[in-house]
Amino acid sequence: MTNKHPITECIETQLQSYLNDLKGTPPSDIYQMVLTVVEKPVLELVMQHAKQNQSLAAQYLGINRNTLHKKLVEHQILK
């Protein structure tokens, strides 16, 4: 038995619940849905941790600062 990361288990459980709730209706755009649902809270928490410093937050996330800025705008996180 492999040890799964708790986040992986949470996503698997919630995604399975979502699929079960569809009751046979074909799912659509699951990949984008999961990315959107996961990405926003990650960005919010990292920005809080970086005290709203986008350069530092981008460094923590391992992405370019311009990419982070674009994502913050997309998710309406910028204040």
PDB file of N, CA and C in Angstrom:
ATOM      1  N   MET A   1       0.845  -1.187   0.000  1.00  0.00           N
ATOM      2  CA  MET A   1       0.000   0.000   0.000  1.00  0.00           C
ATOM      3  C   MET A   1       0.886   1.245   0.000  1.00  0.00           C
ATOM      4  N   THR A   2       0.609   2.174  -0.923  1.00  0.00           N
ATOM      5  CA  THR A   2       1.403   3.391  -0.997  1.00  0.00           C
ATOM      6  C   THR A   2       0.803   4.461  -0.091  1.00  0.00           C
ATOM      7  N   ASN A   3       1.680   5.276   0.444  1.00  0.00           N
ATOM      8  CA  ASN A   3       1.227   6.388   1.261  1.00  0.00           C
ATOM      9  C   ASN A   3       0.945   7.574   0.361  1.00  0.00           C
ATOM     10  N   LYS A   4      -0.295   8.025   0.351  1.00  0.00           N
ATOM     11  CA  LYS A   4      -0.676   9.167  -0.459  1.00  0.00           C
ATOM     12  C   LYS A   4      -0.606  10.429   0.377  1.00  0.00           C
ATOM     13  N   HIS A   5      -0.291  11.503  -0.285  1.00  0.00           N
ATOM     14  CA  HIS A   5      -0.285  12.807   0.365  1.00  0.00           C
ATOM     15  C   HIS A   5      -1.717  13.153   0.747  1.00  0.00           C
ATOM     16  N   PRO A   6      -1.950  13.759   1.904  1.00  0.00           N
ATOM     17  CA  PRO A   6      -3.322  14.090   2.317  1.00  0.00           C
ATOM     18  C   PRO A   6      -4.078  14.945   1.299  1.00  0.00           C
ATOM     19  N   ILE A   7      -3.381  15.832   0.616  1.00  0.00           N
ATOM     20  CA  ILE A   7      -4.047  16.666  -0.395  1.00  0.00           C
ATOM     21  C   ILE A   7      -4.538  15.794  -1.541  1.00  0.00           C
ATOM     22  N   THR A   8      -3.729  14.818  -1.944  1.00  0.00           N
ATOM     23  CA  THR A   8      -4.122  13.902  -3.012  1.00  0.00           C
ATOM     24  C   THR A   8      -5.376  13.136  -2.618  1.00  0.00           C
ATOM     25  N   GLU A   9      -5.399  12.630  -1.396  1.00  0.00           N
ATOM     26  CA  GLU A   9      -6.567  11.894  -0.912  1.00  0.00           C
ATOM     27  C   GLU A   9      -7.809  12.776  -0.893  1.00  0.00           C
ATOM     28  N   CYS A  10      -7.656  14.019  -0.469  1.00  0.00           N
ATOM     29  CA  CYS A  10      -8.780  14.950  -0.412  1.00  0.00           C
ATOM     30  C   CYS A  10      -9.338  15.206  -1.818  1.00  0.00           C
ATOM     31  N   ILE A  11      -8.454  15.464  -2.764  1.00  0.00           N
ATOM     32  CA  ILE A  11      -8.887  15.721  -4.137  1.00  0.00           C
ATOM     33  C   ILE A  11      -9.573  14.492  -4.718  1.00  0.00           C
ATOM     34  N   GLU A  12      -8.984  13.317  -4.506  1.00  0.00           N
ATOM     35  CA  GLU A  12      -9.597  12.086  -5.021  1.00  0.00           C
ATOM     36  C   GLU A  12     -10.991  11.870  -4.439  1.00  0.00           C
ATOM     37  N   THR A  13     -11.128  12.070  -3.148  1.00  0.00           N
ATOM     38  CA  THR A  13     -12.417  11.880  -2.484  1.00  0.00           C
ATOM     39  C   THR A  13     -13.457  12.854  -3.023  1.00  0.00           C
ATOM     40  N   GLN A  14     -13.085  14.111  -3.118  1.00  0.00           N
ATOM     41  CA  GLN A  14     -14.029  15.127  -3.594  1.00  0.00           C
ATOM     42  C   GLN A  14     -14.382  14.941  -5.062  1.00  0.00           C
ATOM     43  N   LEU A  15     -13.399  14.578  -5.878  1.00  0.00           N
ATOM     44  CA  LEU A  15     -13.664  14.348  -7.293  1.00  0.00           C
ATOM     45  C   LEU A  15     -14.565  13.136  -7.490  1.00  0.00           C
ATOM     46  N   GLN A  16     -14.339  12.089  -6.711  1.00  0.00           N
ATOM     47  CA  GLN A  16     -15.208  10.914  -6.798  1.00  0.00           C
ATOM     48  C   GLN A  16     -16.628  11.272  -6.391  1.00  0.00           C
ATOM     49  N   SER A  17     -16.778  12.069  -5.357  1.00  0.00           N
ATOM     50  CA  SER A  17     -18.093  12.520  -4.919  1.00  0.00           C
ATOM     51  C   SER A  17     -18.777  13.336  -6.025  1.00  0.00           C
ATOM     52  N   TYR A  18     -18.027  14.211  -6.663  1.00  0.00           N
ATOM     53  CA  TYR A  18     -18.557  15.014  -7.767  1.00  0.00           C
ATOM     54  C   TYR A  18     -19.054  14.108  -8.894  1.00  0.00           C
ATOM     55  N   LEU A  19     -18.236  13.125  -9.270  1.00  0.00           N
ATOM     56  CA  LEU A  19     -18.613  12.207 -10.344  1.00  0.00           C
ATOM     57  C   LEU A  19     -19.837  11.381  -9.957  1.00  0.00           C
ATOM     58  N   ASN A  20     -19.901  10.947  -8.715  1.00  0.00           N
ATOM     59  CA  ASN A  20     -21.067  10.197  -8.243  1.00  0.00           C
ATOM     60  C   ASN A  20     -22.334  11.056  -8.289  1.00  0.00           C
ATOM     61  N   ASP A  21     -22.205  12.328  -7.935  1.00  0.00           N
ATOM     62  CA  ASP A  21     -23.352  13.234  -7.921  1.00  0.00           C
ATOM     63  C   ASP A  21     -23.915  13.478  -9.318  1.00  0.00           C
ATOM     64  N   LEU A  22     -23.092  13.247 -10.339  1.00  0.00           N
ATOM     65  CA  LEU A  22     -23.568  13.442 -11.711  1.00  0.00           C
ATOM     66  C   LEU A  22     -24.596  12.388 -12.115  1.00  0.00           C
ATOM     67  N   LYS A  23     -24.614  11.273 -11.396  1.00  0.00           N
ATOM     68  CA  LYS A  23     -25.577  10.190 -11.629  1.00  0.00           C
ATOM     69  C   LYS A  23     -25.672   9.794 -13.104  1.00  0.00           C
ATOM     70  N   GLY A  24     -24.517   9.582 -13.725  1.00  0.00           N
ATOM     71  CA  GLY A  24     -24.484   9.114 -15.109  1.00  0.00           C
ATOM     72  C   GLY A  24     -24.383  10.203 -16.157  1.00  0.00           C
ATOM     73  N   THR A  25     -24.610  11.453 -15.772  1.00  0.00           N
ATOM     74  CA  THR A  25     -24.441  12.552 -16.722  1.00  0.00           C
ATOM     75  C   THR A  25     -22.956  12.687 -17.038  1.00  0.00           C
ATOM     76  N   PRO A  26     -22.597  12.781 -18.310  1.00  0.00           N
ATOM     77  CA  PRO A  26     -21.175  12.882 -18.646  1.00  0.00           C
ATOM     78  C   PRO A  26     -20.553  14.158 -18.068  1.00  0.00           C
ATOM     79  N   PRO A  27     -19.399  14.038 -17.443  1.00  0.00           N
ATOM     80  CA  PRO A  27     -18.727  15.228 -16.903  1.00  0.00           C
ATOM     81  C   PRO A  27     -18.156  16.068 -18.040  1.00  0.00           C
ATOM     82  N   SER A  28     -17.862  17.315 -17.719  1.00  0.00           N
ATOM     83  CA  SER A  28     -17.304  18.220 -18.722  1.00  0.00           C
ATOM     84  C   SER A  28     -16.272  19.134 -18.080  1.00  0.00           C
ATOM     85  N   ASP A  29     -15.136  19.289 -18.735  1.00  0.00           N
ATOM     86  CA  ASP A  29     -14.110  20.266 -18.339  1.00  0.00           C
ATOM     87  C   ASP A  29     -13.599  20.059 -16.906  1.00  0.00           C
ATOM     88  N   ILE A  30     -13.458  18.801 -16.502  1.00  0.00           N
ATOM     89  CA  ILE A  30     -13.016  18.483 -15.144  1.00  0.00           C
ATOM     90  C   ILE A  30     -11.634  19.056 -14.849  1.00  0.00           C
ATOM     91  N   TYR A  31     -10.738  18.947 -15.805  1.00  0.00           N
ATOM     92  CA  TYR A  31      -9.360  19.406 -15.587  1.00  0.00           C
ATOM     93  C   TYR A  31      -9.341  20.882 -15.210  1.00  0.00           C
ATOM     94  N   GLN A  32     -10.005  21.720 -15.994  1.00  0.00           N
ATOM     95  CA  GLN A  32     -10.022  23.158 -15.715  1.00  0.00           C
ATOM     96  C   GLN A  32     -10.739  23.454 -14.411  1.00  0.00           C
ATOM     97  N   MET A  33     -11.812  22.727 -14.119  1.00  0.00           N
ATOM     98  CA  MET A  33     -12.560  22.925 -12.882  1.00  0.00           C
ATOM     99  C   MET A  33     -11.661  22.676 -11.671  1.00  0.00           C
ATOM    100  N   VAL A  34     -10.932  21.570 -11.692  1.00  0.00           N
ATOM    101  CA  VAL A  34     -10.059  21.226 -10.565  1.00  0.00           C
ATOM    102  C   VAL A  34      -8.944  22.257 -10.421  1.00  0.00           C
ATOM    103  N   LEU A  35      -8.334  22.641 -11.534  1.00  0.00           N
ATOM    104  CA  LEU A  35      -7.268  23.644 -11.467  1.00  0.00           C
ATOM    105  C   LEU A  35      -7.767  24.954 -10.869  1.00  0.00           C
ATOM    106  N   THR A  36      -8.918  25.396 -11.297  1.00  0.00           N
ATOM    107  CA  THR A  36      -9.475  26.649 -10.795  1.00  0.00           C
ATOM    108  C   THR A  36      -9.792  26.564  -9.308  1.00  0.00           C
ATOM    109  N   VAL A  37     -10.403  25.474  -8.907  1.00  0.00           N
ATOM    110  CA  VAL A  37     -10.795  25.304  -7.507  1.00  0.00           C
ATOM    111  C   VAL A  37      -9.571  25.221  -6.596  1.00  0.00           C
ATOM    112  N   VAL A  38      -8.508  24.616  -7.057  1.00  0.00           N
ATOM    113  CA  VAL A  38      -7.305  24.451  -6.244  1.00  0.00           C
ATOM    114  C   VAL A  38      -6.416  25.697  -6.312  1.00  0.00           C
ATOM    115  N   GLU A  39      -6.315  26.286  -7.488  1.00  0.00           N
ATOM    116  CA  GLU A  39      -5.369  27.389  -7.694  1.00  0.00           C
ATOM    117  C   GLU A  39      -5.688  28.624  -6.858  1.00  0.00           C
ATOM    118  N   LYS A  40      -6.952  29.022  -6.794  1.00  0.00           N
ATOM    119  CA  LYS A  40      -7.295  30.252  -6.080  1.00  0.00           C
ATOM    120  C   LYS A  40      -6.898  30.216  -4.603  1.00  0.00           C
ATOM    121  N   PRO A  41      -7.271  29.183  -3.841  1.00  0.00           N
ATOM    122  CA  PRO A  41      -6.853  29.193  -2.433  1.00  0.00           C
ATOM    123  C   PRO A  41      -5.341  29.095  -2.252  1.00  0.00           C
ATOM    124  N   VAL A  42      -4.662  28.410  -3.171  1.00  0.00           N
ATOM    125  CA  VAL A  42      -3.193  28.346  -3.093  1.00  0.00           C
ATOM    126  C   VAL A  42      -2.624  29.754  -3.250  1.00  0.00           C
ATOM    127  N   LEU A  43      -3.103  30.475  -4.252  1.00  0.00           N
ATOM    128  CA  LEU A  43      -2.612  31.837  -4.481  1.00  0.00           C
ATOM    129  C   LEU A  43      -2.920  32.743  -3.295  1.00  0.00           C
ATOM    130  N   GLU A  44      -4.132  32.646  -2.771  1.00  0.00           N
ATOM    131  CA  GLU A  44      -4.507  33.493  -1.637  1.00  0.00           C
ATOM    132  C   GLU A  44      -3.636  33.235  -0.413  1.00  0.00           C
ATOM    133  N   LEU A  45      -3.423  31.973  -0.102  1.00  0.00           N
ATOM    134  CA  LEU A  45      -2.631  31.633   1.086  1.00  0.00           C
ATOM    135  C   LEU A  45      -1.161  32.015   0.926  1.00  0.00           C
ATOM    136  N   VAL A  46      -0.617  31.784  -0.259  1.00  0.00           N
ATOM    137  CA  VAL A  46       0.789  32.141  -0.482  1.00  0.00           C
ATOM    138  C   VAL A  46       0.955  33.654  -0.459  1.00  0.00           C
ATOM    139  N   MET A  47       0.007  34.386  -1.009  1.00  0.00           N
ATOM    140  CA  MET A  47       0.088  35.850  -0.957  1.00  0.00           C
ATOM    141  C   MET A  47       0.021  36.347   0.488  1.00  0.00           C
ATOM    142  N   GLN A  48      -0.835  35.737   1.293  1.00  0.00           N
ATOM    143  CA  GLN A  48      -0.892  36.105   2.714  1.00  0.00           C
ATOM    144  C   GLN A  48       0.442  35.818   3.387  1.00  0.00           C
ATOM    145  N   HIS A  49       0.982  34.642   3.114  1.00  0.00           N
ATOM    146  CA  HIS A  49       2.253  34.244   3.725  1.00  0.00           C
ATOM    147  C   HIS A  49       3.386  35.186   3.310  1.00  0.00           C
ATOM    148  N   ALA A  50       3.323  35.676   2.070  1.00  0.00           N
ATOM    149  CA  ALA A  50       4.353  36.589   1.552  1.00  0.00           C
ATOM    150  C   ALA A  50       4.016  38.045   1.866  1.00  0.00           C
ATOM    151  N   LYS A  51       3.000  38.260   2.686  1.00  0.00           N
ATOM    152  CA  LYS A  51       2.573  39.614   3.074  1.00  0.00           C
ATOM    153  C   LYS A  51       2.287  40.486   1.854  1.00  0.00           C
ATOM    154  N   GLN A  52       1.603  39.892   0.864  1.00  0.00           N
ATOM    155  CA  GLN A  52       1.167  40.542  -0.375  1.00  0.00           C
ATOM    156  C   GLN A  52       2.324  40.945  -1.303  1.00  0.00           C
ATOM    157  N   ASN A  53       3.525  40.454  -1.036  1.00  0.00           N
ATOM    158  CA  ASN A  53       4.681  40.726  -1.889  1.00  0.00           C
ATOM    159  C   ASN A  53       4.668  39.736  -3.053  1.00  0.00           C
ATOM    160  N   GLN A  54       4.327  40.241  -4.237  1.00  0.00           N
ATOM    161  CA  GLN A  54       4.175  39.358  -5.391  1.00  0.00           C
ATOM    162  C   GLN A  54       5.493  38.705  -5.813  1.00  0.00           C
ATOM    163  N   SER A  55       6.581  39.412  -5.717  1.00  0.00           N
ATOM    164  CA  SER A  55       7.867  38.825  -6.091  1.00  0.00           C
ATOM    165  C   SER A  55       8.219  37.656  -5.179  1.00  0.00           C
ATOM    166  N   LEU A  56       8.005  37.845  -3.894  1.00  0.00           N
ATOM    167  CA  LEU A  56       8.285  36.791  -2.929  1.00  0.00           C
ATOM    168  C   LEU A  56       7.316  35.619  -3.116  1.00  0.00           C
ATOM    169  N   ALA A  57       6.046  35.919  -3.317  1.00  0.00           N
ATOM    170  CA  ALA A  57       5.054  34.867  -3.528  1.00  0.00           C
ATOM    171  C   ALA A  57       5.388  34.061  -4.780  1.00  0.00           C
ATOM    172  N   ALA A  58       5.788  34.739  -5.844  1.00  0.00           N
ATOM    173  CA  ALA A  58       6.165  34.046  -7.082  1.00  0.00           C
ATOM    174  C   ALA A  58       7.351  33.126  -6.826  1.00  0.00           C
ATOM    175  N   GLN A  59       8.280  33.592  -6.027  1.00  0.00           N
ATOM    176  CA  GLN A  59       9.447  32.766  -5.678  1.00  0.00           C
ATOM    177  C   GLN A  59       9.000  31.530  -4.901  1.00  0.00           C
ATOM    178  N   TYR A  60       8.121  31.711  -3.921  1.00  0.00           N
ATOM    179  CA  TYR A  60       7.608  30.574  -3.143  1.00  0.00           C
ATOM    180  C   TYR A  60       6.915  29.551  -4.046  1.00  0.00           C
ATOM    181  N   LEU A  61       6.162  30.055  -5.027  1.00  0.00           N
ATOM    182  CA  LEU A  61       5.396  29.186  -5.914  1.00  0.00           C
ATOM    183  C   LEU A  61       6.245  28.567  -7.020  1.00  0.00           C
ATOM    184  N   GLY A  62       7.420  29.143  -7.260  1.00  0.00           N
ATOM    185  CA  GLY A  62       8.277  28.648  -8.328  1.00  0.00           C
ATOM    186  C   GLY A  62       7.783  29.061  -9.705  1.00  0.00           C
ATOM    187  N   ILE A  63       7.127  30.233  -9.770  1.00  0.00           N
ATOM    188  CA  ILE A  63       6.655  30.752 -11.054  1.00  0.00           C
ATOM    189  C   ILE A  63       7.158  32.172 -11.247  1.00  0.00           C
ATOM    190  N   ASN A  64       7.050  32.652 -12.472  1.00  0.00           N
ATOM    191  CA  ASN A  64       7.453  34.008 -12.817  1.00  0.00           C
ATOM    192  C   ASN A  64       6.496  35.009 -12.175  1.00  0.00           C
ATOM    193  N   ARG A  65       7.010  36.162 -11.771  1.00  0.00           N
ATOM    194  CA  ARG A  65       6.178  37.176 -11.133  1.00  0.00           C
ATOM    195  C   ARG A  65       5.059  37.649 -12.061  1.00  0.00           C
ATOM    196  N   ASN A  66       5.343  37.776 -13.354  1.00  0.00           N
ATOM    197  CA  ASN A  66       4.309  38.192 -14.309  1.00  0.00           C
ATOM    198  C   ASN A  66       3.200  37.146 -14.414  1.00  0.00           C
ATOM    199  N   THR A  67       3.581  35.887 -14.357  1.00  0.00           N
ATOM    200  CA  THR A  67       2.593  34.804 -14.377  1.00  0.00           C
ATOM    201  C   THR A  67       1.715  34.882 -13.133  1.00  0.00           C
ATOM    202  N   LEU A  68       2.341  35.110 -11.985  1.00  0.00           N
ATOM    203  CA  LEU A  68       1.577  35.245 -10.742  1.00  0.00           C
ATOM    204  C   LEU A  68       0.612  36.413 -10.850  1.00  0.00           C
ATOM    205  N   HIS A  69       1.087  37.543 -11.333  1.00  0.00           N
ATOM    206  CA  HIS A  69       0.233  38.731 -11.456  1.00  0.00           C
ATOM    207  C   HIS A  69      -0.982  38.421 -12.328  1.00  0.00           C
ATOM    208  N   LYS A  70      -0.753  37.753 -13.453  1.00  0.00           N
ATOM    209  CA  LYS A  70      -1.835  37.373 -14.369  1.00  0.00           C
ATOM    210  C   LYS A  70      -2.862  36.485 -13.652  1.00  0.00           C
ATOM    211  N   LYS A  71      -2.373  35.530 -12.880  1.00  0.00           N
ATOM    212  CA  LYS A  71      -3.268  34.612 -12.161  1.00  0.00           C
ATOM    213  C   LYS A  71      -4.040  35.345 -11.055  1.00  0.00           C
ATOM    214  N   LEU A  72      -3.402  36.289 -10.393  1.00  0.00           N
ATOM    215  CA  LEU A  72      -4.084  37.067  -9.357  1.00  0.00           C
ATOM    216  C   LEU A  72      -5.224  37.886  -9.959  1.00  0.00           C
ATOM    217  N   VAL A  73      -4.983  38.435 -11.138  1.00  0.00           N
ATOM    218  CA  VAL A  73      -6.027  39.194 -11.828  1.00  0.00           C
ATOM    219  C   VAL A  73      -7.158  38.252 -12.263  1.00  0.00           C
ATOM    220  N   GLU A  74      -6.796  37.109 -12.845  1.00  0.00           N
ATOM    221  CA  GLU A  74      -7.792  36.124 -13.290  1.00  0.00           C
ATOM    222  C   GLU A  74      -8.721  35.701 -12.162  1.00  0.00           C
ATOM    223  N   HIS A  75      -8.155  35.496 -10.979  1.00  0.00           N
ATOM    224  CA  HIS A  75      -8.933  35.023  -9.834  1.00  0.00           C
ATOM    225  C   HIS A  75      -9.488  36.177  -8.991  1.00  0.00           C
ATOM    226  N   GLN A  76      -9.282  37.399  -9.457  1.00  0.00           N
ATOM    227  CA  GLN A  76      -9.766  38.590  -8.762  1.00  0.00           C
ATOM    228  C   GLN A  76      -9.274  38.659  -7.321  1.00  0.00           C
ATOM    229  N   ILE A  77      -7.984  38.380  -7.156  1.00  0.00           N
ATOM    230  CA  ILE A  77      -7.368  38.384  -5.827  1.00  0.00           C
ATOM    231  C   ILE A  77      -6.683  39.711  -5.540  1.00  0.00           C
ATOM    232  N   LEU A  78      -6.248  40.398  -6.570  1.00  0.00           N
ATOM    233  CA  LEU A  78      -5.555  41.685  -6.373  1.00  0.00           C
ATOM    234  C   LEU A  78      -6.472  42.686  -5.694  1.00  0.00           C
ATOM    235  N   LYS A  79      -5.881  43.422  -4.767  1.00  0.00           N
ATOM    236  CA  LYS A  79      -6.680  44.410  -4.031  1.00  0.00           C
ATOM    237  C   LYS A  79      -6.307  45.795  -4.473  1.00  0.00           C
TER     238      LYS A  79
END
